[in-house]
Amino acid sequence: MDQALPASGTYVCHSITWASGDPRLLLAPLPGGPLVYAPIAGRRLGYQVSGTGRWCTGRYQFADRVRVEAAACPDRAPAEAGGQCAACAGRDDFRFAHRFHSGGHVPDALAAYMAQPHWLYLATFADGTTKIGTAAEPRKRSRLDEQGALIATYLAQSADGRAVRFLEDALTRHIGLTQTVRAAAKLTALAEMRDLAPAIAAHQQHLDRATEALSGLNVQATPEPWTPPGQGDLLRTPETGRALYPHDPRSGEHGLTVLSCLGSQVLATLDGDGGQLPYLLDLGTLKGRRIVLGAQFSSPPVAVQSALF
């Protein structure tokens, strides 16, 4: 994954991935070729969105018994339901993972993958919202890095994916923890963050309640703090000024230099911006879009007020 941000070319953007330990745009080149893991931290990203459609972002395939890896759509086809084309959806055995513990079809490769140890975690975002989640052992680090949380704790390790999903559902029922947080809510919370104290207090409260609930289920909690990646330090600092990016990243052309990245949310400056505050935007919204990369692309000039004042 030791790749550079391409200087040109047209790509289907898959997402922001932390699989390599740092934030990268996962790009499928057109008309074909292997996926590109393009680093963005500290880089200038110039791009133009091509058209208005959504394109298939491929599937996950099993690299071996314990790891999955992204695979591009071989046809770079238009997306249908769920962001995939029918052909990729039909070949995606990993899609059954979300309901693995509820019965139904279980491909052999998925059964082997889910048989490895999994982690149960709590992740708290800038407004104090806390979610419960799970991660397979090889994804223990990258799964949390991609969440865009301020604070997180690994609660316990389970023997396999089935057991950890039952624990996740149990904590949702017993103490009302959500299993999903919308990307738009994460972005708004980061824009409005003035103080870390509410998120820290909320995380500790949920951690205490989750530990107690696990004890009631005869499961010993083994809390282990997540160490957030340094690429997100500026965004986790309330004193860092920021303004919401006033353009839609999903259309037109844009040019920005990434200062900090938290999950898929980035803090960036624009060319010739002078003393303006850096801008906050979610590059995850580019998922399924065709983009053309190039140094010639730039964002329109703007004059906005800080999201914090």
C-alpha atoms as a PDB file:
ATOM      1  CA  MET A   1       0.000   0.000   0.000  1.00  0.00           C
ATOM      2  CA  ASP A   2       3.029   2.307  -0.320  1.00  0.00           C
ATOM      3  CA  GLN A   3       1.483   4.471  -3.029  1.00  0.00           C
ATOM      4  CA  ALA A   4       1.322   8.158  -3.892  1.00  0.00           C
ATOM      5  CA  LEU A   5      -1.665  10.375  -4.541  1.00  0.00           C
ATOM      6  CA  PRO A   6      -2.022  10.167  -8.349  1.00  0.00           C
ATOM      7  CA  ALA A   7      -1.395  13.413 -10.231  1.00  0.00           C
ATOM      8  CA  SER A   8      -4.065  12.689 -12.832  1.00  0.00           C
ATOM      9  CA  GLY A   9      -6.591  10.147 -14.072  1.00  0.00           C
ATOM     10  CA  THR A  10     -10.251   9.232 -13.591  1.00  0.00           C
ATOM     11  CA  TYR A  11     -11.323   6.996 -10.717  1.00  0.00           C
ATOM     12  CA  VAL A  12     -14.329   5.583  -8.910  1.00  0.00           C
ATOM     13  CA  CYS A  13     -13.874   6.697  -5.314  1.00  0.00           C
ATOM     14  CA  HIS A  14     -14.585   3.863  -2.860  1.00  0.00           C
ATOM     15  CA  SER A  15     -14.083   5.576   0.495  1.00  0.00           C
ATOM     16  CA  ILE A  16     -11.522   6.789   2.991  1.00  0.00           C
ATOM     17  CA  THR A  17      -9.684   3.752   4.338  1.00  0.00           C
ATOM     18  CA  TRP A  18      -7.384   3.411   7.353  1.00  0.00           C
ATOM     19  CA  ALA A  19      -6.330  -0.140   6.445  1.00  0.00           C
ATOM     20  CA  SER A  20      -2.688   0.930   6.023  1.00  0.00           C
ATOM     21  CA  GLY A  21      -2.609   2.817   9.344  1.00  0.00           C
ATOM     22  CA  ASP A  22      -3.128   6.281   7.856  1.00  0.00           C
ATOM     23  CA  PRO A  23      -6.024   7.941   5.988  1.00  0.00           C
ATOM     24  CA  ARG A  24      -6.127   7.175   2.266  1.00  0.00           C
ATOM     25  CA  LEU A  25      -8.565   7.584  -0.580  1.00  0.00           C
ATOM     26  CA  LEU A  26      -9.371   4.169  -1.970  1.00  0.00           C
ATOM     27  CA  LEU A  27      -9.645   4.634  -5.740  1.00  0.00           C
ATOM     28  CA  ALA A  28     -10.580   2.290  -8.606  1.00  0.00           C
ATOM     29  CA  PRO A  29      -8.914   3.573 -11.809  1.00  0.00           C
ATOM     30  CA  LEU A  30     -10.838   3.783 -15.066  1.00  0.00           C
ATOM     31  CA  PRO A  31     -11.141   1.871 -17.263  1.00  0.00           C
ATOM     32  CA  GLY A  32      -9.428  -0.794 -15.136  1.00  0.00           C
ATOM     33  CA  GLY A  33      -6.479  -1.720 -12.971  1.00  0.00           C
ATOM     34  CA  PRO A  34      -5.755  -2.467  -9.306  1.00  0.00           C
ATOM     35  CA  LEU A  35      -7.117  -0.340  -6.494  1.00  0.00           C
ATOM     36  CA  VAL A  36      -5.042   2.671  -5.488  1.00  0.00           C
ATOM     37  CA  TYR A  37      -4.557   3.527  -1.791  1.00  0.00           C
ATOM     38  CA  ALA A  38      -3.811   7.245  -2.121  1.00  0.00           C
ATOM     39  CA  PRO A  39      -2.459   9.060   0.978  1.00  0.00           C
ATOM     40  CA  ILE A  40      -4.134  12.381   1.766  1.00  0.00           C
ATOM     41  CA  ALA A  41      -2.642  13.575   5.087  1.00  0.00           C
ATOM     42  CA  GLY A  42      -0.592  16.697   4.416  1.00  0.00           C
ATOM     43  CA  ARG A  43      -1.293  16.463   0.677  1.00  0.00           C
ATOM     44  CA  ARG A  44      -3.072  18.776  -1.717  1.00  0.00           C
ATOM     45  CA  LEU A  45      -6.093  17.054  -3.251  1.00  0.00           C
ATOM     46  CA  GLY A  46      -7.382  18.542  -6.488  1.00  0.00           C
ATOM     47  CA  TYR A  47     -10.338  16.855  -8.155  1.00  0.00           C
ATOM     48  CA  GLN A  48     -13.414  17.333 -10.294  1.00  0.00           C
ATOM     49  CA  VAL A  49     -16.521  15.193  -9.925  1.00  0.00           C
ATOM     50  CA  SER A  50     -17.491  13.629 -13.242  1.00  0.00           C
ATOM     51  CA  GLY A  51     -21.255  13.439 -13.784  1.00  0.00           C
ATOM     52  CA  THR A  52     -23.986  12.939 -11.224  1.00  0.00           C
ATOM     53  CA  GLY A  53     -24.333   9.142 -11.107  1.00  0.00           C
ATOM     54  CA  ARG A  54     -23.193   6.621  -8.522  1.00  0.00           C
ATOM     55  CA  TRP A  55     -20.872   3.781  -9.467  1.00  0.00           C
ATOM     56  CA  CYS A  56     -20.294   0.335  -7.999  1.00  0.00           C
ATOM     57  CA  THR A  57     -17.686   0.242  -5.235  1.00  0.00           C
ATOM     58  CA  GLY A  58     -17.021  -3.457  -5.692  1.00  0.00           C
ATOM     59  CA  ARG A  59     -17.007  -5.877  -2.796  1.00  0.00           C
ATOM     60  CA  TYR A  60     -14.977  -7.365   0.004  1.00  0.00           C
ATOM     61  CA  GLN A  61     -13.251 -10.656  -0.699  1.00  0.00           C
ATOM     62  CA  PHE A  62     -11.533 -13.044   1.668  1.00  0.00           C
ATOM     63  CA  ALA A  63      -7.753 -12.745   1.406  1.00  0.00           C
ATOM     64  CA  ASP A  64      -7.322 -15.752   3.709  1.00  0.00           C
ATOM     65  CA  ARG A  65      -9.134 -17.295   6.675  1.00  0.00           C
ATOM     66  CA  VAL A  66      -8.778 -14.204   8.885  1.00  0.00           C
ATOM     67  CA  ARG A  67      -8.621 -11.165   6.573  1.00  0.00           C
ATOM     68  CA  VAL A  68     -10.822  -9.444   4.023  1.00  0.00           C
ATOM     69  CA  GLU A  69      -9.718  -6.976   1.375  1.00  0.00           C
ATOM     70  CA  ALA A  70     -11.456  -4.583  -0.974  1.00  0.00           C
ATOM     71  CA  ALA A  71     -11.933  -5.556  -4.610  1.00  0.00           C
ATOM     72  CA  ALA A  72     -12.917  -3.156  -7.379  1.00  0.00           C
ATOM     73  CA  CYS A  73     -15.904  -3.774  -9.634  1.00  0.00           C
ATOM     74  CA  PRO A  74     -14.361  -5.372 -12.757  1.00  0.00           C
ATOM     75  CA  ASP A  75     -16.869  -3.583 -15.004  1.00  0.00           C
ATOM     76  CA  ARG A  76     -16.869  -0.224 -13.137  1.00  0.00           C
ATOM     77  CA  ALA A  77     -20.636  -0.567 -13.488  1.00  0.00           C
ATOM     78  CA  PRO A  78     -23.360   1.832 -12.328  1.00  0.00           C
ATOM     79  CA  ALA A  79     -24.403   1.246  -8.722  1.00  0.00           C
ATOM     80  CA  GLU A  80     -27.709  -0.317  -7.795  1.00  0.00           C
ATOM     81  CA  ALA A  81     -29.082  -0.979  -4.293  1.00  0.00           C
ATOM     82  CA  GLY A  82     -26.487  -0.785  -1.532  1.00  0.00           C
ATOM     83  CA  GLY A  83     -23.884   0.926  -3.695  1.00  0.00           C
ATOM     84  CA  GLN A  84     -23.029  -2.210  -5.687  1.00  0.00           C
ATOM     85  CA  CYS A  85     -23.964  -3.551  -9.083  1.00  0.00           C
ATOM     86  CA  ALA A  86     -25.912  -6.824  -9.181  1.00  0.00           C
ATOM     87  CA  ALA A  87     -22.840  -8.841 -10.189  1.00  0.00           C
ATOM     88  CA  CYS A  88     -20.667  -7.609  -7.291  1.00  0.00           C
ATOM     89  CA  ALA A  89     -23.504  -7.974  -4.793  1.00  0.00           C
ATOM     90  CA  GLY A  90     -24.017 -11.572  -5.896  1.00  0.00           C
ATOM     91  CA  ARG A  91     -20.321 -12.397  -5.358  1.00  0.00           C
ATOM     92  CA  ASP A  92     -20.002 -10.583  -2.020  1.00  0.00           C
ATOM     93  CA  ASP A  93     -20.004 -13.302   0.642  1.00  0.00           C
ATOM     94  CA  PHE A  94     -19.071 -10.754   3.310  1.00  0.00           C
ATOM     95  CA  ARG A  95     -22.503  -9.102   3.053  1.00  0.00           C
ATOM     96  CA  PHE A  96     -23.922 -11.934   5.154  1.00  0.00           C
ATOM     97  CA  ALA A  97     -21.677 -10.936   8.102  1.00  0.00           C
ATOM     98  CA  HIS A  98     -24.150  -8.389   9.482  1.00  0.00           C
ATOM     99  CA  ARG A  99     -26.787 -11.037  10.138  1.00  0.00           C
ATOM    100  CA  PHE A 100     -24.387 -13.911  10.733  1.00  0.00           C
ATOM    101  CA  HIS A 101     -25.596 -14.497  14.295  1.00  0.00           C
ATOM    102  CA  SER A 102     -29.264 -14.539  13.294  1.00  0.00           C
ATOM    103  CA  GLY A 103     -29.193 -17.640  11.133  1.00  0.00           C
ATOM    104  CA  GLY A 104     -29.592 -17.933   7.383  1.00  0.00           C
ATOM    105  CA  HIS A 105     -27.010 -18.509   4.682  1.00  0.00           C
ATOM    106  CA  VAL A 106     -23.377 -18.640   5.824  1.00  0.00           C
ATOM    107  CA  PRO A 107     -20.727 -19.159   3.114  1.00  0.00           C
ATOM    108  CA  ASP A 108     -17.782 -21.316   4.172  1.00  0.00           C
ATOM    109  CA  ALA A 109     -15.265 -18.463   3.834  1.00  0.00           C
ATOM    110  CA  LEU A 110     -17.391 -16.212   6.042  1.00  0.00           C
ATOM    111  CA  ALA A 111     -17.792 -18.946   8.657  1.00  0.00           C
ATOM    112  CA  ALA A 112     -14.000 -19.322   8.825  1.00  0.00           C
ATOM    113  CA  TYR A 113     -13.520 -15.560   9.110  1.00  0.00           C
ATOM    114  CA  MET A 114     -16.103 -15.206  11.862  1.00  0.00           C
ATOM    115  CA  ALA A 115     -14.537 -18.064  13.830  1.00  0.00           C
ATOM    116  CA  GLN A 116     -11.561 -15.879  14.827  1.00  0.00           C
ATOM    117  CA  PRO A 117     -11.507 -13.634  17.932  1.00  0.00           C
ATOM    118  CA  HIS A 118     -13.514 -10.385  17.759  1.00  0.00           C
ATOM    119  CA  TRP A 119     -13.545  -7.234  19.865  1.00  0.00           C
ATOM    120  CA  LEU A 120     -16.448  -5.311  21.361  1.00  0.00           C
ATOM    121  CA  TYR A 121     -15.880  -1.561  21.548  1.00  0.00           C
ATOM    122  CA  LEU A 122     -17.477   1.750  22.558  1.00  0.00           C
ATOM    123  CA  ALA A 123     -16.860   4.850  20.425  1.00  0.00           C
ATOM    124  CA  THR A 124     -17.903   8.358  21.501  1.00  0.00           C
ATOM    125  CA  PHE A 125     -18.230  11.280  19.104  1.00  0.00           C
ATOM    126  CA  ALA A 126     -17.865  15.035  19.556  1.00  0.00           C
ATOM    127  CA  ASP A 127     -21.427  15.586  20.816  1.00  0.00           C
ATOM    128  CA  GLY A 128     -21.246  12.737  23.347  1.00  0.00           C
ATOM    129  CA  THR A 129     -23.162  10.237  21.192  1.00  0.00           C
ATOM    130  CA  THR A 130     -21.762   6.767  21.876  1.00  0.00           C
ATOM    131  CA  LYS A 131     -22.083   3.655  19.744  1.00  0.00           C
ATOM    132  CA  ILE A 132     -21.372   0.008  20.396  1.00  0.00           C
ATOM    133  CA  GLY A 133     -19.499  -1.887  17.702  1.00  0.00           C
ATOM    134  CA  THR A 134     -17.439  -4.943  16.844  1.00  0.00           C
ATOM    135  CA  ALA A 135     -14.184  -5.638  15.035  1.00  0.00           C
ATOM    136  CA  ALA A 136     -12.410  -8.802  13.965  1.00  0.00           C
ATOM    137  CA  GLU A 137      -8.909  -9.218  15.392  1.00  0.00           C
ATOM    138  CA  PRO A 138      -7.057  -8.081  12.210  1.00  0.00           C
ATOM    139  CA  ARG A 139      -9.342  -5.022  12.046  1.00  0.00           C
ATOM    140  CA  LYS A 140      -9.034  -4.125  15.723  1.00  0.00           C
ATOM    141  CA  ARG A 141      -7.132  -0.917  15.013  1.00  0.00           C
ATOM    142  CA  SER A 142      -8.366   0.204  11.585  1.00  0.00           C
ATOM    143  CA  ARG A 143     -12.038  -0.354  12.424  1.00  0.00           C
ATOM    144  CA  LEU A 144     -11.893   2.243  15.188  1.00  0.00           C
ATOM    145  CA  ASP A 145      -9.624   4.607  13.250  1.00  0.00           C
ATOM    146  CA  GLU A 146     -12.213   4.840  10.476  1.00  0.00           C
ATOM    147  CA  GLN A 147     -15.099   5.627  12.851  1.00  0.00           C
ATOM    148  CA  GLY A 148     -14.180   9.280  13.398  1.00  0.00           C
ATOM    149  CA  ALA A 149     -14.607   9.030  17.175  1.00  0.00           C
ATOM    150  CA  LEU A 150     -13.009  11.316  19.744  1.00  0.00           C
ATOM    151  CA  ILE A 151     -12.675   8.636  22.428  1.00  0.00           C
ATOM    152  CA  ALA A 152     -13.038   4.873  22.297  1.00  0.00           C
ATOM    153  CA  THR A 153     -12.492   1.827  24.466  1.00  0.00           C
ATOM    154  CA  TYR A 154     -12.224  -1.855  23.653  1.00  0.00           C
ATOM    155  CA  LEU A 155     -14.635  -3.458  26.124  1.00  0.00           C
ATOM    156  CA  ALA A 156     -13.917  -7.150  25.781  1.00  0.00           C
ATOM    157  CA  GLN A 157     -12.623  -9.825  23.472  1.00  0.00           C
ATOM    158  CA  SER A 158     -14.958 -12.599  22.341  1.00  0.00           C
ATOM    159  CA  ALA A 159     -14.034 -16.014  21.046  1.00  0.00           C
ATOM    160  CA  ASP A 160     -15.709 -15.451  17.693  1.00  0.00           C
ATOM    161  CA  GLY A 161     -17.915 -13.192  15.613  1.00  0.00           C
ATOM    162  CA  ARG A 162     -21.171 -14.847  16.618  1.00  0.00           C
ATOM    163  CA  ALA A 163     -20.589 -14.354  20.343  1.00  0.00           C
ATOM    164  CA  VAL A 164     -19.555 -10.718  19.955  1.00  0.00           C
ATOM    165  CA  ARG A 165     -22.653  -9.884  17.887  1.00  0.00           C
ATOM    166  CA  PHE A 166     -24.883 -11.320  20.613  1.00  0.00           C
ATOM    167  CA  LEU A 167     -23.094  -9.112  23.164  1.00  0.00           C
ATOM    168  CA  GLU A 168     -23.503  -6.080  20.909  1.00  0.00           C
ATOM    169  CA  ASP A 169     -27.243  -6.670  20.594  1.00  0.00           C
ATOM    170  CA  ALA A 170     -27.555  -7.312  24.336  1.00  0.00           C
ATOM    171  CA  LEU A 171     -25.955  -3.967  25.231  1.00  0.00           C
ATOM    172  CA  THR A 172     -28.184  -2.215  22.725  1.00  0.00           C
ATOM    173  CA  ARG A 173     -31.243  -3.715  24.435  1.00  0.00           C
ATOM    174  CA  HIS A 174     -30.105  -3.299  28.039  1.00  0.00           C
ATOM    175  CA  ILE A 175     -28.636   0.216  28.027  1.00  0.00           C
ATOM    176  CA  GLY A 176     -29.870   1.668  24.736  1.00  0.00           C
ATOM    177  CA  LEU A 177     -26.550   2.019  22.938  1.00  0.00           C
ATOM    178  CA  THR A 178     -26.884   2.666  19.218  1.00  0.00           C
ATOM    179  CA  GLN A 179     -24.980   0.581  16.669  1.00  0.00           C
ATOM    180  CA  THR A 180     -24.831   3.300  13.993  1.00  0.00           C
ATOM    181  CA  VAL A 181     -24.138   7.040  13.881  1.00  0.00           C
ATOM    182  CA  ARG A 182     -24.826   8.991  10.698  1.00  0.00           C
ATOM    183  CA  ALA A 183     -21.821  10.588   9.009  1.00  0.00           C
ATOM    184  CA  ALA A 184     -23.669  13.921   8.803  1.00  0.00           C
ATOM    185  CA  ALA A 185     -24.177  13.883  12.581  1.00  0.00           C
ATOM    186  CA  LYS A 186     -20.463  13.231  13.148  1.00  0.00           C
ATOM    187  CA  LEU A 187     -19.577  16.181  10.920  1.00  0.00           C
ATOM    188  CA  THR A 188     -22.021  18.550  12.614  1.00  0.00           C
ATOM    189  CA  ALA A 189     -20.765  17.521  16.052  1.00  0.00           C
ATOM    190  CA  LEU A 190     -17.158  18.233  15.064  1.00  0.00           C
ATOM    191  CA  ALA A 191     -18.142  21.617  13.656  1.00  0.00           C
ATOM    192  CA  GLU A 192     -19.897  22.607  16.883  1.00  0.00           C
ATOM    193  CA  MET A 193     -17.371  21.138  19.340  1.00  0.00           C
ATOM    194  CA  ARG A 194     -16.246  23.701  21.921  1.00  0.00           C
ATOM    195  CA  ASP A 195     -15.135  21.483  24.802  1.00  0.00           C
ATOM    196  CA  LEU A 196     -13.948  17.888  25.158  1.00  0.00           C
ATOM    197  CA  ALA A 197     -15.373  17.522  28.670  1.00  0.00           C
ATOM    198  CA  PRO A 198     -18.950  16.520  27.652  1.00  0.00           C
ATOM    199  CA  ALA A 199     -17.690  13.762  25.336  1.00  0.00           C
ATOM    200  CA  ILE A 200     -15.235  12.493  27.963  1.00  0.00           C
ATOM    201  CA  ALA A 201     -17.970  12.414  30.621  1.00  0.00           C
ATOM    202  CA  ALA A 202     -20.436  10.700  28.264  1.00  0.00           C
ATOM    203  CA  HIS A 203     -17.882   8.056  27.337  1.00  0.00           C
ATOM    204  CA  GLN A 204     -17.083   7.257  30.949  1.00  0.00           C
ATOM    205  CA  GLN A 205     -20.781   7.028  31.819  1.00  0.00           C
ATOM    206  CA  HIS A 206     -21.460   4.621  28.966  1.00  0.00           C
ATOM    207  CA  LEU A 207     -18.331   2.639  29.784  1.00  0.00           C
ATOM    208  CA  ASP A 208     -19.445   2.195  33.399  1.00  0.00           C
ATOM    209  CA  ARG A 209     -22.939   1.119  32.348  1.00  0.00           C
ATOM    210  CA  ALA A 210     -21.605  -1.254  29.687  1.00  0.00           C
ATOM    211  CA  THR A 211     -19.183  -2.840  32.146  1.00  0.00           C
ATOM    212  CA  GLU A 212     -22.011  -3.381  34.609  1.00  0.00           C
ATOM    213  CA  ALA A 213     -24.273  -4.824  31.910  1.00  0.00           C
ATOM    214  CA  LEU A 214     -21.570  -7.241  30.776  1.00  0.00           C
ATOM    215  CA  SER A 215     -21.112  -8.383  34.362  1.00  0.00           C
ATOM    216  CA  GLY A 216     -24.841  -9.133  34.484  1.00  0.00           C
ATOM    217  CA  LEU A 217     -24.311 -11.334  31.424  1.00  0.00           C
ATOM    218  CA  ASN A 218     -21.432 -13.152  33.180  1.00  0.00           C
ATOM    219  CA  VAL A 219     -18.916 -11.565  30.805  1.00  0.00           C
ATOM    220  CA  GLN A 220     -15.818  -9.927  32.264  1.00  0.00           C
ATOM    221  CA  ALA A 221     -15.050  -6.529  30.745  1.00  0.00           C
ATOM    222  CA  THR A 222     -11.351  -5.891  30.034  1.00  0.00           C
ATOM    223  CA  PRO A 223     -11.340  -2.172  29.127  1.00  0.00           C
ATOM    224  CA  GLU A 224      -8.468  -1.118  26.882  1.00  0.00           C
ATOM    225  CA  PRO A 225      -8.282   2.503  25.687  1.00  0.00           C
ATOM    226  CA  TRP A 226      -7.988   3.122  21.967  1.00  0.00           C
ATOM    227  CA  THR A 227      -5.033   5.339  21.044  1.00  0.00           C
ATOM    228  CA  PRO A 228      -6.259   7.772  18.384  1.00  0.00           C
ATOM    229  CA  PRO A 229      -4.032   8.319  15.341  1.00  0.00           C
ATOM    230  CA  GLY A 230      -2.016  11.525  15.285  1.00  0.00           C
ATOM    231  CA  GLN A 231      -3.481  12.554  11.923  1.00  0.00           C
ATOM    232  CA  GLY A 232      -6.652  13.580  13.772  1.00  0.00           C
ATOM    233  CA  ASP A 233      -5.068  15.657  16.536  1.00  0.00           C
ATOM    234  CA  LEU A 234      -6.059  19.064  15.123  1.00  0.00           C
ATOM    235  CA  LEU A 235      -9.676  17.995  14.718  1.00  0.00           C
ATOM    236  CA  ARG A 236      -9.804  16.634  18.271  1.00  0.00           C
ATOM    237  CA  THR A 237      -8.584  19.964  19.650  1.00  0.00           C
ATOM    238  CA  PRO A 238     -11.490  22.337  20.418  1.00  0.00           C
ATOM    239  CA  GLU A 239      -9.203  25.377  20.120  1.00  0.00           C
ATOM    240  CA  THR A 240      -8.578  24.620  16.448  1.00  0.00           C
ATOM    241  CA  GLY A 241     -10.800  27.036  14.509  1.00  0.00           C
ATOM    242  CA  ARG A 242     -12.903  25.548  11.745  1.00  0.00           C
ATOM    243  CA  ALA A 243     -15.686  26.429   9.366  1.00  0.00           C
ATOM    244  CA  LEU A 244     -17.996  24.061   7.502  1.00  0.00           C
ATOM    245  CA  TYR A 245     -16.962  23.758   3.858  1.00  0.00           C
ATOM    246  CA  PRO A 246     -19.618  25.729   1.962  1.00  0.00           C
ATOM    247  CA  HIS A 247     -19.515  23.658  -1.242  1.00  0.00           C
ATOM    248  CA  ASP A 248     -20.863  20.181  -1.997  1.00  0.00           C
ATOM    249  CA  PRO A 249     -17.838  17.842  -2.342  1.00  0.00           C
ATOM    250  CA  ARG A 250     -19.989  15.587  -4.566  1.00  0.00           C
ATOM    251  CA  SER A 251     -20.132  18.012  -7.508  1.00  0.00           C
ATOM    252  CA  GLY A 252     -17.924  20.504  -9.298  1.00  0.00           C
ATOM    253  CA  GLU A 253     -14.224  20.972  -8.757  1.00  0.00           C
ATOM    254  CA  HIS A 254     -12.271  21.287  -5.540  1.00  0.00           C
ATOM    255  CA  GLY A 255      -8.725  21.921  -4.401  1.00  0.00           C
ATOM    256  CA  LEU A 256      -7.720  21.560  -0.777  1.00  0.00           C
ATOM    257  CA  THR A 257      -4.756  20.674   1.388  1.00  0.00           C
ATOM    258  CA  VAL A 258      -5.571  18.213   4.157  1.00  0.00           C
ATOM    259  CA  LEU A 259      -4.337  19.293   7.600  1.00  0.00           C
ATOM    260  CA  SER A 260      -6.069  16.692   9.760  1.00  0.00           C
ATOM    261  CA  CYS A 261      -8.285  13.651   9.309  1.00  0.00           C
ATOM    262  CA  LEU A 262     -10.674  11.948  11.727  1.00  0.00           C
ATOM    263  CA  GLY A 263     -12.391   8.951  10.163  1.00  0.00           C
ATOM    264  CA  SER A 264     -13.524  10.363   6.820  1.00  0.00           C
ATOM    265  CA  GLN A 265     -13.859  13.951   8.093  1.00  0.00           C
ATOM    266  CA  VAL A 266     -11.004  16.267   7.131  1.00  0.00           C
ATOM    267  CA  LEU A 267      -9.824  19.728   8.076  1.00  0.00           C
ATOM    268  CA  ALA A 268      -8.359  21.472   5.045  1.00  0.00           C
ATOM    269  CA  THR A 269      -7.163  24.792   3.689  1.00  0.00           C
ATOM    270  CA  LEU A 270      -7.860  26.193   0.226  1.00  0.00           C
ATOM    271  CA  ASP A 271      -5.388  27.703  -2.199  1.00  0.00           C
ATOM    272  CA  GLY A 272      -4.577  31.336  -1.420  1.00  0.00           C
ATOM    273  CA  ASP A 273      -6.857  31.279   1.596  1.00  0.00           C
ATOM    274  CA  GLY A 274      -4.709  33.636   3.637  1.00  0.00           C
ATOM    275  CA  GLY A 275      -6.044  34.111   7.142  1.00  0.00           C
ATOM    276  CA  GLN A 276      -9.303  32.233   6.640  1.00  0.00           C
ATOM    277  CA  LEU A 277     -10.159  29.413   9.002  1.00  0.00           C
ATOM    278  CA  PRO A 278      -9.601  25.869   7.737  1.00  0.00           C
ATOM    279  CA  TYR A 279     -12.659  24.077   6.427  1.00  0.00           C
ATOM    280  CA  LEU A 280     -14.339  20.930   7.690  1.00  0.00           C
ATOM    281  CA  LEU A 281     -15.817  18.432   5.221  1.00  0.00           C
ATOM    282  CA  ASP A 282     -16.555  14.731   4.867  1.00  0.00           C
ATOM    283  CA  LEU A 283     -14.676  13.017   2.032  1.00  0.00           C
ATOM    284  CA  GLY A 284     -16.768   9.916   2.677  1.00  0.00           C
ATOM    285  CA  THR A 285     -19.519  11.575   0.639  1.00  0.00           C
ATOM    286  CA  LEU A 286     -17.420  10.855  -2.464  1.00  0.00           C
ATOM    287  CA  LYS A 287     -18.141   7.134  -2.179  1.00  0.00           C
ATOM    288  CA  GLY A 288     -19.388   5.853  -5.526  1.00  0.00           C
ATOM    289  CA  ARG A 289     -18.553   9.070  -7.413  1.00  0.00           C
ATOM    290  CA  ARG A 290     -16.332   9.297 -10.438  1.00  0.00           C
ATOM    291  CA  ILE A 291     -13.617  11.869  -9.889  1.00  0.00           C
ATOM    292  CA  VAL A 292     -10.854  13.274 -12.101  1.00  0.00           C
ATOM    293  CA  LEU A 293      -7.645  14.108 -10.228  1.00  0.00           C
ATOM    294  CA  GLY A 294      -5.442  17.037 -11.197  1.00  0.00           C
ATOM    295  CA  ALA A 295      -3.458  19.972  -9.817  1.00  0.00           C
ATOM    296  CA  GLN A 296      -5.463  22.324 -12.040  1.00  0.00           C
ATOM    297  CA  PHE A 297      -8.653  21.897 -10.007  1.00  0.00           C
ATOM    298  CA  SER A 298      -9.454  24.332  -7.204  1.00  0.00           C
ATOM    299  CA  SER A 299     -12.364  25.312  -4.982  1.00  0.00           C
ATOM    300  CA  PRO A 300     -14.264  28.556  -5.620  1.00  0.00           C
ATOM    301  CA  PRO A 301     -13.261  31.340  -3.242  1.00  0.00           C
ATOM    302  CA  VAL A 302     -15.502  31.730  -0.205  1.00  0.00           C
ATOM    303  CA  ALA A 303     -15.944  34.047   2.768  1.00  0.00           C
ATOM    304  CA  VAL A 304     -17.623  32.378   5.740  1.00  0.00           C
ATOM    305  CA  GLN A 305     -17.819  32.678   9.508  1.00  0.00           C
ATOM    306  CA  SER A 306     -16.440  30.098  11.905  1.00  0.00           C
ATOM    307  CA  ALA A 307     -18.731  27.209  12.790  1.00  0.00           C
ATOM    308  CA  LEU A 308     -17.726  27.761  16.423  1.00  0.00           C
ATOM    309  CA  PHE A 309     -18.766  31.376  16.869  1.00  0.00           C
END
